[in-house]
Amino acid sequence: MTPPASRDGTPQVSNARPARHQHLSDEELRAALAEASGSRTDGERLQKVLARAGVASRRHSEQLIDAGRVEVNGKTVTRQGVRVNPETDVIRVDGVRVQTDQSLRYFVLNKPRGVHSTMSDDMGRPCVGDFVAEQTAAGQRLFHVGRLDADTEGLIMLTNDGELANRLTHPRYEVSKTYVATVLGEADRELVRALCEGVELDDGPVKADSAQIIDTYNGESLVRVELHEGRKHVVRRLLKALGYPVQRLVRTKIHTVALGEQRPGILRALNRAELTSLYKAVGL
């Protein structure tokens, strides 16, 4: 079609662009309009996701949203009916992250002595992977968070949450770990002072965040040591350097996650309070 002419007879050329959505299907058009208006047509309603995650009932979750206490991907949400993707969106209530991805798993194992911190062992030795064989057979790809040497017992975490695992083991976040050591020698306050002041090891200085003598008996002592170091055999080397060789070592706590009465060889899932505390500790 010939374009209309201007008054002087020259063809008039239009600079107008075709409508953005004129070639979109009805479904694509609805999605584009939803994006432009700041709403979503996919995902699940935010209050339903919060209720399923155990934050509160659906009604109370709606009240949290109304009060401006809920964030999605760093933005405060105050409108009801907002839809989210629980597997990818970061949701926080009162600044604390809520774990909404149902595919993520978190376990605590009380590792027995003699068990290796690997998911499998080519030599057939017992390893932590043996204790989650049922979960891995069901398709869960779990891995251990950090290591305990074979002779060290106690708390080790297993998860498929790579970001949390990386941060828990990264020195930057200084996540504390607590050990109870049975050592040769009857310890006194001098040992506590030395642990907290620090010792120069062959790979650099190290010191405990806190230390306590729990008991002394028959030429041995029970000593609790808390530190955020992650170097290999660091607790054993630290106590040996101070003249108290370790006879038995048990990790009892990582940050606020504790073994409590959990027996060796027993596996349990983290509860929501423990998981929330770990997320907060590493800034997730």
C-alpha atoms as a PDB file:
ATOM      1  CA  MET A   1       0.000   0.000   0.000  1.00  0.00           C
ATOM      2  CA  THR A   2       1.319   3.449  -0.937  1.00  0.00           C
ATOM      3  CA  PRO A   3       1.965   5.612   2.119  1.00  0.00           C
ATOM      4  CA  PRO A   4      -0.104   8.843   2.346  1.00  0.00           C
ATOM      5  CA  ALA A   5       1.503  11.986   0.973  1.00  0.00           C
ATOM      6  CA  SER A   6       2.251  15.147   2.897  1.00  0.00           C
ATOM      7  CA  ARG A   7       1.010  18.560   1.723  1.00  0.00           C
ATOM      8  CA  ASP A   8       4.054  19.073  -0.511  1.00  0.00           C
ATOM      9  CA  GLY A   9       3.412  15.766  -2.252  1.00  0.00           C
ATOM     10  CA  THR A  10       6.245  13.734  -0.686  1.00  0.00           C
ATOM     11  CA  PRO A  11       5.368  10.359   0.782  1.00  0.00           C
ATOM     12  CA  GLN A  12       4.756  10.503   4.517  1.00  0.00           C
ATOM     13  CA  VAL A  13       6.799   7.899   6.392  1.00  0.00           C
ATOM     14  CA  SER A  14       5.552   6.784   9.773  1.00  0.00           C
ATOM     15  CA  ASN A  15       8.068   6.254  12.630  1.00  0.00           C
ATOM     16  CA  ALA A  16       5.538   4.399  14.742  1.00  0.00           C
ATOM     17  CA  ARG A  17       6.640   0.948  15.907  1.00  0.00           C
ATOM     18  CA  PRO A  18       4.383  -2.087  15.759  1.00  0.00           C
ATOM     19  CA  ALA A  19       2.540  -2.786  18.987  1.00  0.00           C
ATOM     20  CA  ARG A  20       4.772  -4.846  21.278  1.00  0.00           C
ATOM     21  CA  HIS A  21       2.209  -7.579  21.881  1.00  0.00           C
ATOM     22  CA  GLN A  22       0.435  -7.723  18.523  1.00  0.00           C
ATOM     23  CA  HIS A  23       2.018 -11.035  17.529  1.00  0.00           C
ATOM     24  CA  LEU A  24       1.790 -12.709  20.953  1.00  0.00           C
ATOM     25  CA  SER A  25      -0.572 -15.528  21.740  1.00  0.00           C
ATOM     26  CA  ASP A  26      -3.291 -14.930  24.325  1.00  0.00           C
ATOM     27  CA  GLU A  27      -1.254 -16.840  26.935  1.00  0.00           C
ATOM     28  CA  GLU A  28       1.919 -14.850  26.172  1.00  0.00           C
ATOM     29  CA  LEU A  29      -0.027 -11.616  26.278  1.00  0.00           C
ATOM     30  CA  ARG A  30      -1.441 -12.398  29.723  1.00  0.00           C
ATOM     31  CA  ALA A  31       2.052 -13.231  31.019  1.00  0.00           C
ATOM     32  CA  ALA A  32       3.497 -10.015  29.567  1.00  0.00           C
ATOM     33  CA  LEU A  33       0.730  -7.919  31.114  1.00  0.00           C
ATOM     34  CA  ALA A  34       1.255  -9.665  34.457  1.00  0.00           C
ATOM     35  CA  GLU A  35       4.976  -8.899  34.281  1.00  0.00           C
ATOM     36  CA  ALA A  36       4.304  -5.268  33.428  1.00  0.00           C
ATOM     37  CA  SER A  37       1.888  -4.906  36.351  1.00  0.00           C
ATOM     38  CA  GLY A  38       4.308  -6.540  38.799  1.00  0.00           C
ATOM     39  CA  SER A  39       2.193  -9.646  39.337  1.00  0.00           C
ATOM     40  CA  ARG A  40       2.765 -13.293  38.431  1.00  0.00           C
ATOM     41  CA  THR A  41       0.463 -15.928  37.052  1.00  0.00           C
ATOM     42  CA  ASP A  42       2.706 -18.899  37.859  1.00  0.00           C
ATOM     43  CA  GLY A  43       3.984 -20.263  41.156  1.00  0.00           C
ATOM     44  CA  GLU A  44       2.119 -20.553  44.454  1.00  0.00           C
ATOM     45  CA  ARG A  45       0.489 -17.989  46.678  1.00  0.00           C
ATOM     46  CA  LEU A  46       2.954 -16.605  49.202  1.00  0.00           C
ATOM     47  CA  GLN A  47       0.764 -17.234  52.256  1.00  0.00           C
ATOM     48  CA  LYS A  48       0.350 -20.885  51.249  1.00  0.00           C
ATOM     49  CA  VAL A  49       4.132 -21.323  50.883  1.00  0.00           C
ATOM     50  CA  LEU A  50       4.721 -19.753  54.300  1.00  0.00           C
ATOM     51  CA  ALA A  51       2.119 -21.999  55.922  1.00  0.00           C
ATOM     52  CA  ARG A  52       3.605 -25.150  54.375  1.00  0.00           C
ATOM     53  CA  ALA A  53       7.080 -24.120  55.564  1.00  0.00           C
ATOM     54  CA  GLY A  54       5.733 -24.035  59.120  1.00  0.00           C
ATOM     55  CA  VAL A  55       6.103 -20.287  59.643  1.00  0.00           C
ATOM     56  CA  ALA A  56       2.473 -19.786  60.661  1.00  0.00           C
ATOM     57  CA  SER A  57      -1.039 -20.727  59.688  1.00  0.00           C
ATOM     58  CA  ARG A  58      -2.234 -19.388  56.348  1.00  0.00           C
ATOM     59  CA  ARG A  59      -4.366 -16.743  58.083  1.00  0.00           C
ATOM     60  CA  HIS A  60      -1.481 -15.638  60.300  1.00  0.00           C
ATOM     61  CA  SER A  61       0.809 -15.598  57.262  1.00  0.00           C
ATOM     62  CA  GLU A  62      -1.605 -13.164  55.619  1.00  0.00           C
ATOM     63  CA  GLN A  63      -1.337 -10.963  58.703  1.00  0.00           C
ATOM     64  CA  LEU A  64       2.475 -11.077  58.488  1.00  0.00           C
ATOM     65  CA  ILE A  65       2.242  -9.937  54.862  1.00  0.00           C
ATOM     66  CA  ASP A  66      -0.185  -7.125  55.752  1.00  0.00           C
ATOM     67  CA  ALA A  67       2.218  -5.957  58.462  1.00  0.00           C
ATOM     68  CA  GLY A  68       5.114  -5.701  55.989  1.00  0.00           C
ATOM     69  CA  ARG A  69       7.145  -8.405  57.731  1.00  0.00           C
ATOM     70  CA  VAL A  70       7.662 -10.594  54.658  1.00  0.00           C
ATOM     71  CA  GLU A  71      10.275 -10.081  51.923  1.00  0.00           C
ATOM     72  CA  VAL A  72      10.606 -11.858  48.600  1.00  0.00           C
ATOM     73  CA  ASN A  73      13.965 -11.495  46.849  1.00  0.00           C
ATOM     74  CA  GLY A  74      14.821  -8.472  48.969  1.00  0.00           C
ATOM     75  CA  LYS A  75      11.532  -6.593  48.417  1.00  0.00           C
ATOM     76  CA  THR A  76       8.872  -6.167  51.090  1.00  0.00           C
ATOM     77  CA  VAL A  77       5.509  -7.637  50.120  1.00  0.00           C
ATOM     78  CA  THR A  78       2.316  -6.129  51.533  1.00  0.00           C
ATOM     79  CA  ARG A  79      -0.205  -7.254  48.900  1.00  0.00           C
ATOM     80  CA  GLN A  80      -2.113 -10.506  49.261  1.00  0.00           C
ATOM     81  CA  GLY A  81      -2.136 -13.029  46.429  1.00  0.00           C
ATOM     82  CA  VAL A  82       1.482 -12.571  45.344  1.00  0.00           C
ATOM     83  CA  ARG A  83       2.782 -15.753  43.747  1.00  0.00           C
ATOM     84  CA  VAL A  84       6.280 -17.094  44.319  1.00  0.00           C
ATOM     85  CA  ASN A  85       8.460 -19.982  43.207  1.00  0.00           C
ATOM     86  CA  PRO A  86       9.394 -21.798  46.437  1.00  0.00           C
ATOM     87  CA  GLU A  87      12.366 -23.494  44.742  1.00  0.00           C
ATOM     88  CA  THR A  88      14.103 -20.307  43.578  1.00  0.00           C
ATOM     89  CA  ASP A  89      12.710 -17.252  45.379  1.00  0.00           C
ATOM     90  CA  VAL A  90      14.377 -16.119  48.622  1.00  0.00           C
ATOM     91  CA  ILE A  91      11.702 -15.493  51.243  1.00  0.00           C
ATOM     92  CA  ARG A  92      12.359 -13.850  54.599  1.00  0.00           C
ATOM     93  CA  VAL A  93      10.143 -13.136  57.597  1.00  0.00           C
ATOM     94  CA  ASP A  94      11.410 -10.437  59.968  1.00  0.00           C
ATOM     95  CA  GLY A  95      14.711 -10.590  58.112  1.00  0.00           C
ATOM     96  CA  VAL A  96      15.209 -14.326  58.698  1.00  0.00           C
ATOM     97  CA  ARG A  97      15.260 -16.627  55.691  1.00  0.00           C
ATOM     98  CA  VAL A  98      12.558 -19.272  55.411  1.00  0.00           C
ATOM     99  CA  GLN A  99      13.490 -22.533  53.719  1.00  0.00           C
ATOM    100  CA  THR A 100      10.707 -23.223  51.213  1.00  0.00           C
ATOM    101  CA  ASP A 101      12.441 -25.519  48.723  1.00  0.00           C
ATOM    102  CA  GLN A 102      10.986 -28.932  49.526  1.00  0.00           C
ATOM    103  CA  SER A 103      13.737 -30.706  47.580  1.00  0.00           C
ATOM    104  CA  LEU A 104      16.468 -29.649  50.039  1.00  0.00           C
ATOM    105  CA  ARG A 105      17.373 -32.020  52.844  1.00  0.00           C
ATOM    106  CA  TYR A 106      19.359 -31.478  56.055  1.00  0.00           C
ATOM    107  CA  PHE A 107      20.545 -34.232  58.395  1.00  0.00           C
ATOM    108  CA  VAL A 108      22.752 -34.574  61.462  1.00  0.00           C
ATOM    109  CA  LEU A 109      24.676 -37.792  62.044  1.00  0.00           C
ATOM    110  CA  ASN A 110      26.441 -38.759  65.244  1.00  0.00           C
ATOM    111  CA  LYS A 111      29.420 -40.326  63.501  1.00  0.00           C
ATOM    112  CA  PRO A 112      30.839 -43.326  65.373  1.00  0.00           C
ATOM    113  CA  ARG A 113      34.570 -43.772  65.822  1.00  0.00           C
ATOM    114  CA  GLY A 114      36.217 -45.597  62.918  1.00  0.00           C
ATOM    115  CA  VAL A 115      33.801 -44.242  60.295  1.00  0.00           C
ATOM    116  CA  HIS A 116      35.354 -42.236  57.463  1.00  0.00           C
ATOM    117  CA  SER A 117      33.977 -38.866  56.324  1.00  0.00           C
ATOM    118  CA  THR A 118      33.256 -39.943  52.757  1.00  0.00           C
ATOM    119  CA  MET A 119      30.069 -40.851  50.917  1.00  0.00           C
ATOM    120  CA  SER A 120      31.655 -44.074  49.627  1.00  0.00           C
ATOM    121  CA  ASP A 121      34.928 -45.905  50.172  1.00  0.00           C
ATOM    122  CA  ASP A 122      36.864 -47.839  47.521  1.00  0.00           C
ATOM    123  CA  MET A 123      38.426 -50.005  50.218  1.00  0.00           C
ATOM    124  CA  GLY A 124      35.102 -51.021  51.710  1.00  0.00           C
ATOM    125  CA  ARG A 125      35.686 -49.223  55.005  1.00  0.00           C
ATOM    126  CA  PRO A 126      32.661 -47.855  56.892  1.00  0.00           C
ATOM    127  CA  CYS A 127      31.796 -44.295  55.844  1.00  0.00           C
ATOM    128  CA  VAL A 128      29.086 -41.698  56.515  1.00  0.00           C
ATOM    129  CA  GLY A 129      27.447 -42.550  53.188  1.00  0.00           C
ATOM    130  CA  ASP A 130      26.445 -45.905  54.691  1.00  0.00           C
ATOM    131  CA  PHE A 131      24.110 -44.120  57.112  1.00  0.00           C
ATOM    132  CA  VAL A 132      22.145 -42.352  54.358  1.00  0.00           C
ATOM    133  CA  ALA A 133      22.005 -45.293  51.936  1.00  0.00           C
ATOM    134  CA  GLU A 134      18.219 -45.314  52.096  1.00  0.00           C
ATOM    135  CA  GLN A 135      18.027 -41.617  51.195  1.00  0.00           C
ATOM    136  CA  THR A 136      20.534 -41.860  48.350  1.00  0.00           C
ATOM    137  CA  ALA A 137      18.790 -44.961  46.987  1.00  0.00           C
ATOM    138  CA  ALA A 138      15.622 -42.850  46.823  1.00  0.00           C
ATOM    139  CA  GLY A 139      17.427 -40.332  44.616  1.00  0.00           C
ATOM    140  CA  GLN A 140      18.640 -37.783  47.168  1.00  0.00           C
ATOM    141  CA  ARG A 141      22.170 -36.624  46.311  1.00  0.00           C
ATOM    142  CA  LEU A 142      23.557 -35.862  49.749  1.00  0.00           C
ATOM    143  CA  PHE A 143      27.086 -34.869  50.732  1.00  0.00           C
ATOM    144  CA  HIS A 144      28.838 -34.270  54.038  1.00  0.00           C
ATOM    145  CA  VAL A 145      29.598 -30.768  55.316  1.00  0.00           C
ATOM    146  CA  GLY A 146      33.268 -30.676  56.288  1.00  0.00           C
ATOM    147  CA  ARG A 147      35.098 -33.653  57.742  1.00  0.00           C
ATOM    148  CA  LEU A 148      35.889 -35.512  60.905  1.00  0.00           C
ATOM    149  CA  ASP A 149      38.863 -37.854  60.865  1.00  0.00           C
ATOM    150  CA  ALA A 150      38.086 -41.532  61.340  1.00  0.00           C
ATOM    151  CA  ASP A 151      39.126 -41.514  65.019  1.00  0.00           C
ATOM    152  CA  THR A 152      36.976 -38.472  65.840  1.00  0.00           C
ATOM    153  CA  GLU A 153      33.345 -39.021  66.767  1.00  0.00           C
ATOM    154  CA  GLY A 154      30.340 -36.792  66.790  1.00  0.00           C
ATOM    155  CA  LEU A 155      28.298 -34.316  64.835  1.00  0.00           C
ATOM    156  CA  ILE A 156      28.572 -34.189  61.070  1.00  0.00           C
ATOM    157  CA  MET A 157      25.965 -32.671  58.765  1.00  0.00           C
ATOM    158  CA  LEU A 158      24.747 -34.080  55.452  1.00  0.00           C
ATOM    159  CA  THR A 159      22.748 -32.068  52.941  1.00  0.00           C
ATOM    160  CA  ASN A 160      22.124 -31.309  49.275  1.00  0.00           C
ATOM    161  CA  ASP A 161      22.137 -27.544  49.906  1.00  0.00           C
ATOM    162  CA  GLY A 162      25.452 -26.581  48.325  1.00  0.00           C
ATOM    163  CA  GLU A 163      25.335 -22.882  49.194  1.00  0.00           C
ATOM    164  CA  LEU A 164      24.753 -23.497  52.899  1.00  0.00           C
ATOM    165  CA  ALA A 165      27.441 -26.202  52.974  1.00  0.00           C
ATOM    166  CA  ASN A 166      30.005 -23.925  51.325  1.00  0.00           C
ATOM    167  CA  ARG A 167      29.364 -21.106  53.758  1.00  0.00           C
ATOM    168  CA  LEU A 168      29.433 -23.327  56.838  1.00  0.00           C
ATOM    169  CA  THR A 169      32.932 -24.512  55.906  1.00  0.00           C
ATOM    170  CA  HIS A 170      34.302 -21.173  54.637  1.00  0.00           C
ATOM    171  CA  PRO A 171      36.647 -19.425  57.110  1.00  0.00           C
ATOM    172  CA  ARG A 172      35.034 -16.067  56.337  1.00  0.00           C
ATOM    173  CA  TYR A 173      31.884 -16.921  58.299  1.00  0.00           C
ATOM    174  CA  GLU A 174      33.716 -18.178  61.410  1.00  0.00           C
ATOM    175  CA  VAL A 175      31.091 -20.774  62.304  1.00  0.00           C
ATOM    176  CA  SER A 176      31.907 -22.136  65.747  1.00  0.00           C
ATOM    177  CA  LYS A 177      32.396 -25.831  66.475  1.00  0.00           C
ATOM    178  CA  THR A 178      32.508 -27.387  69.929  1.00  0.00           C
ATOM    179  CA  TYR A 179      34.505 -30.486  70.903  1.00  0.00           C
ATOM    180  CA  VAL A 180      34.830 -32.519  74.068  1.00  0.00           C
ATOM    181  CA  ALA A 181      38.269 -34.107  74.398  1.00  0.00           C
ATOM    182  CA  THR A 182      39.524 -36.747  76.785  1.00  0.00           C
ATOM    183  CA  VAL A 183      43.220 -35.972  77.310  1.00  0.00           C
ATOM    184  CA  LEU A 184      46.123 -37.469  79.223  1.00  0.00           C
ATOM    185  CA  GLY A 185      47.065 -35.400  82.244  1.00  0.00           C
ATOM    186  CA  GLU A 186      45.122 -33.580  84.935  1.00  0.00           C
ATOM    187  CA  ALA A 187      44.432 -30.190  83.406  1.00  0.00           C
ATOM    188  CA  ASP A 188      44.271 -26.938  85.350  1.00  0.00           C
ATOM    189  CA  ARG A 189      43.423 -23.286  84.695  1.00  0.00           C
ATOM    190  CA  GLU A 190      46.749 -22.808  82.946  1.00  0.00           C
ATOM    191  CA  LEU A 191      45.541 -25.027  80.104  1.00  0.00           C
ATOM    192  CA  VAL A 192      42.372 -22.947  79.702  1.00  0.00           C
ATOM    193  CA  ARG A 193      44.423 -19.755  79.640  1.00  0.00           C
ATOM    194  CA  ALA A 194      46.843 -21.161  77.069  1.00  0.00           C
ATOM    195  CA  LEU A 195      44.039 -22.414  74.822  1.00  0.00           C
ATOM    196  CA  CYS A 196      42.352 -19.010  74.777  1.00  0.00           C
ATOM    197  CA  GLU A 197      45.601 -17.054  74.323  1.00  0.00           C
ATOM    198  CA  GLY A 198      46.670 -19.235  71.429  1.00  0.00           C
ATOM    199  CA  VAL A 199      49.478 -21.514  70.332  1.00  0.00           C
ATOM    200  CA  GLU A 200      51.850 -21.332  67.366  1.00  0.00           C
ATOM    201  CA  LEU A 201      51.505 -24.519  65.311  1.00  0.00           C
ATOM    202  CA  ASP A 202      53.563 -25.484  62.288  1.00  0.00           C
ATOM    203  CA  ASP A 203      50.924 -23.997  59.954  1.00  0.00           C
ATOM    204  CA  GLY A 204      50.301 -20.822  61.950  1.00  0.00           C
ATOM    205  CA  PRO A 205      48.770 -19.628  65.221  1.00  0.00           C
ATOM    206  CA  VAL A 206      45.495 -20.997  66.548  1.00  0.00           C
ATOM    207  CA  LYS A 207      43.440 -20.259  69.635  1.00  0.00           C
ATOM    208  CA  ALA A 208      40.166 -21.396  71.141  1.00  0.00           C
ATOM    209  CA  ASP A 209      37.153 -19.104  71.335  1.00  0.00           C
ATOM    210  CA  SER A 210      36.450 -20.623  74.731  1.00  0.00           C
ATOM    211  CA  ALA A 211      37.582 -23.571  76.842  1.00  0.00           C
ATOM    212  CA  GLN A 212      36.469 -25.337  79.990  1.00  0.00           C
ATOM    213  CA  ILE A 213      37.730 -28.207  82.133  1.00  0.00           C
ATOM    214  CA  ILE A 214      34.721 -30.455  82.698  1.00  0.00           C
ATOM    215  CA  ASP A 215      36.387 -33.071  84.903  1.00  0.00           C
ATOM    216  CA  THR A 216      39.712 -34.564  85.944  1.00  0.00           C
ATOM    217  CA  TYR A 217      40.079 -38.160  87.099  1.00  0.00           C
ATOM    218  CA  ASN A 218      42.807 -40.794  87.365  1.00  0.00           C
ATOM    219  CA  GLY A 219      45.404 -38.933  85.334  1.00  0.00           C
ATOM    220  CA  GLU A 220      42.977 -37.853  82.587  1.00  0.00           C
ATOM    221  CA  SER A 221      40.864 -34.759  81.955  1.00  0.00           C
ATOM    222  CA  LEU A 222      37.699 -33.954  80.078  1.00  0.00           C
ATOM    223  CA  VAL A 223      38.070 -30.626  78.266  1.00  0.00           C
ATOM    224  CA  ARG A 224      35.540 -28.687  76.217  1.00  0.00           C
ATOM    225  CA  VAL A 225      36.998 -26.565  73.407  1.00  0.00           C
ATOM    226  CA  GLU A 226      35.081 -24.194  71.146  1.00  0.00           C
ATOM    227  CA  LEU A 227      36.745 -22.674  68.082  1.00  0.00           C
ATOM    228  CA  HIS A 228      35.946 -21.675  64.499  1.00  0.00           C
ATOM    229  CA  GLU A 229      39.132 -23.040  62.943  1.00  0.00           C
ATOM    230  CA  GLY A 230      38.783 -25.715  60.284  1.00  0.00           C
ATOM    231  CA  ARG A 231      42.354 -26.872  59.843  1.00  0.00           C
ATOM    232  CA  LYS A 232      43.082 -30.585  59.773  1.00  0.00           C
ATOM    233  CA  HIS A 233      43.368 -32.218  63.213  1.00  0.00           C
ATOM    234  CA  VAL A 234      43.512 -28.745  64.731  1.00  0.00           C
ATOM    235  CA  VAL A 235      42.039 -29.679  68.138  1.00  0.00           C
ATOM    236  CA  ARG A 236      44.312 -32.694  68.538  1.00  0.00           C
ATOM    237  CA  ARG A 237      47.379 -30.687  67.509  1.00  0.00           C
ATOM    238  CA  LEU A 238      46.473 -27.774  69.762  1.00  0.00           C
ATOM    239  CA  LEU A 239      46.073 -29.913  72.876  1.00  0.00           C
ATOM    240  CA  LYS A 240      49.151 -32.009  72.113  1.00  0.00           C
ATOM    241  CA  ALA A 241      51.246 -28.844  71.729  1.00  0.00           C
ATOM    242  CA  LEU A 242      50.179 -27.860  75.254  1.00  0.00           C
ATOM    243  CA  GLY A 243      51.189 -31.265  76.665  1.00  0.00           C
ATOM    244  CA  TYR A 244      47.794 -32.980  76.759  1.00  0.00           C
ATOM    245  CA  PRO A 245      47.587 -35.732  74.101  1.00  0.00           C
ATOM    246  CA  VAL A 246      44.023 -36.508  73.032  1.00  0.00           C
ATOM    247  CA  GLN A 247      42.723 -40.008  73.789  1.00  0.00           C
ATOM    248  CA  ARG A 248      39.186 -39.457  72.556  1.00  0.00           C
ATOM    249  CA  LEU A 249      37.584 -36.572  70.659  1.00  0.00           C
ATOM    250  CA  VAL A 250      33.882 -35.871  70.073  1.00  0.00           C
ATOM    251  CA  ARG A 251      32.396 -32.930  68.172  1.00  0.00           C
ATOM    252  CA  THR A 252      29.233 -32.046  70.050  1.00  0.00           C
ATOM    253  CA  LYS A 253      28.034 -28.881  68.345  1.00  0.00           C
ATOM    254  CA  ILE A 254      28.158 -26.765  65.172  1.00  0.00           C
ATOM    255  CA  HIS A 255      26.928 -23.237  65.909  1.00  0.00           C
ATOM    256  CA  THR A 256      23.591 -23.907  67.678  1.00  0.00           C
ATOM    257  CA  VAL A 257      23.071 -27.431  66.297  1.00  0.00           C
ATOM    258  CA  ALA A 258      23.925 -29.870  69.076  1.00  0.00           C
ATOM    259  CA  LEU A 259      24.039 -33.651  69.444  1.00  0.00           C
ATOM    260  CA  GLY A 260      22.275 -33.638  72.791  1.00  0.00           C
ATOM    261  CA  GLU A 261      21.191 -37.192  73.590  1.00  0.00           C
ATOM    262  CA  GLN A 262      21.613 -38.412  69.990  1.00  0.00           C
ATOM    263  CA  ARG A 263      23.391 -41.770  70.106  1.00  0.00           C
ATOM    264  CA  PRO A 264      26.319 -42.795  67.858  1.00  0.00           C
ATOM    265  CA  GLY A 265      25.146 -44.030  64.473  1.00  0.00           C
ATOM    266  CA  ILE A 266      21.793 -42.255  64.691  1.00  0.00           C
ATOM    267  CA  LEU A 267      20.691 -39.922  61.900  1.00  0.00           C
ATOM    268  CA  ARG A 268      18.097 -37.188  62.371  1.00  0.00           C
ATOM    269  CA  ALA A 269      16.702 -34.286  60.344  1.00  0.00           C
ATOM    270  CA  LEU A 270      17.433 -30.708  61.383  1.00  0.00           C
ATOM    271  CA  ASN A 271      14.444 -28.883  62.782  1.00  0.00           C
ATOM    272  CA  ARG A 272      13.304 -25.507  61.438  1.00  0.00           C
ATOM    273  CA  ALA A 273      14.804 -23.505  64.329  1.00  0.00           C
ATOM    274  CA  GLU A 274      18.225 -25.101  63.812  1.00  0.00           C
ATOM    275  CA  LEU A 275      18.139 -24.481  60.066  1.00  0.00           C
ATOM    276  CA  THR A 276      17.042 -20.873  60.526  1.00  0.00           C
ATOM    277  CA  SER A 277      19.902 -20.328  62.960  1.00  0.00           C
ATOM    278  CA  LEU A 278      22.452 -21.714  60.479  1.00  0.00           C
ATOM    279  CA  TYR A 279      21.112 -19.546  57.666  1.00  0.00           C
ATOM    280  CA  LYS A 280      21.383 -16.487  59.883  1.00  0.00           C
ATOM    281  CA  ALA A 281      24.941 -17.372  60.947  1.00  0.00           C
ATOM    282  CA  VAL A 282      26.186 -17.447  57.342  1.00  0.00           C
ATOM    283  CA  GLY A 283      24.103 -14.554  55.997  1.00  0.00           C
ATOM    284  CA  LEU A 284      21.693 -16.488  53.796  1.00  0.00           C
END
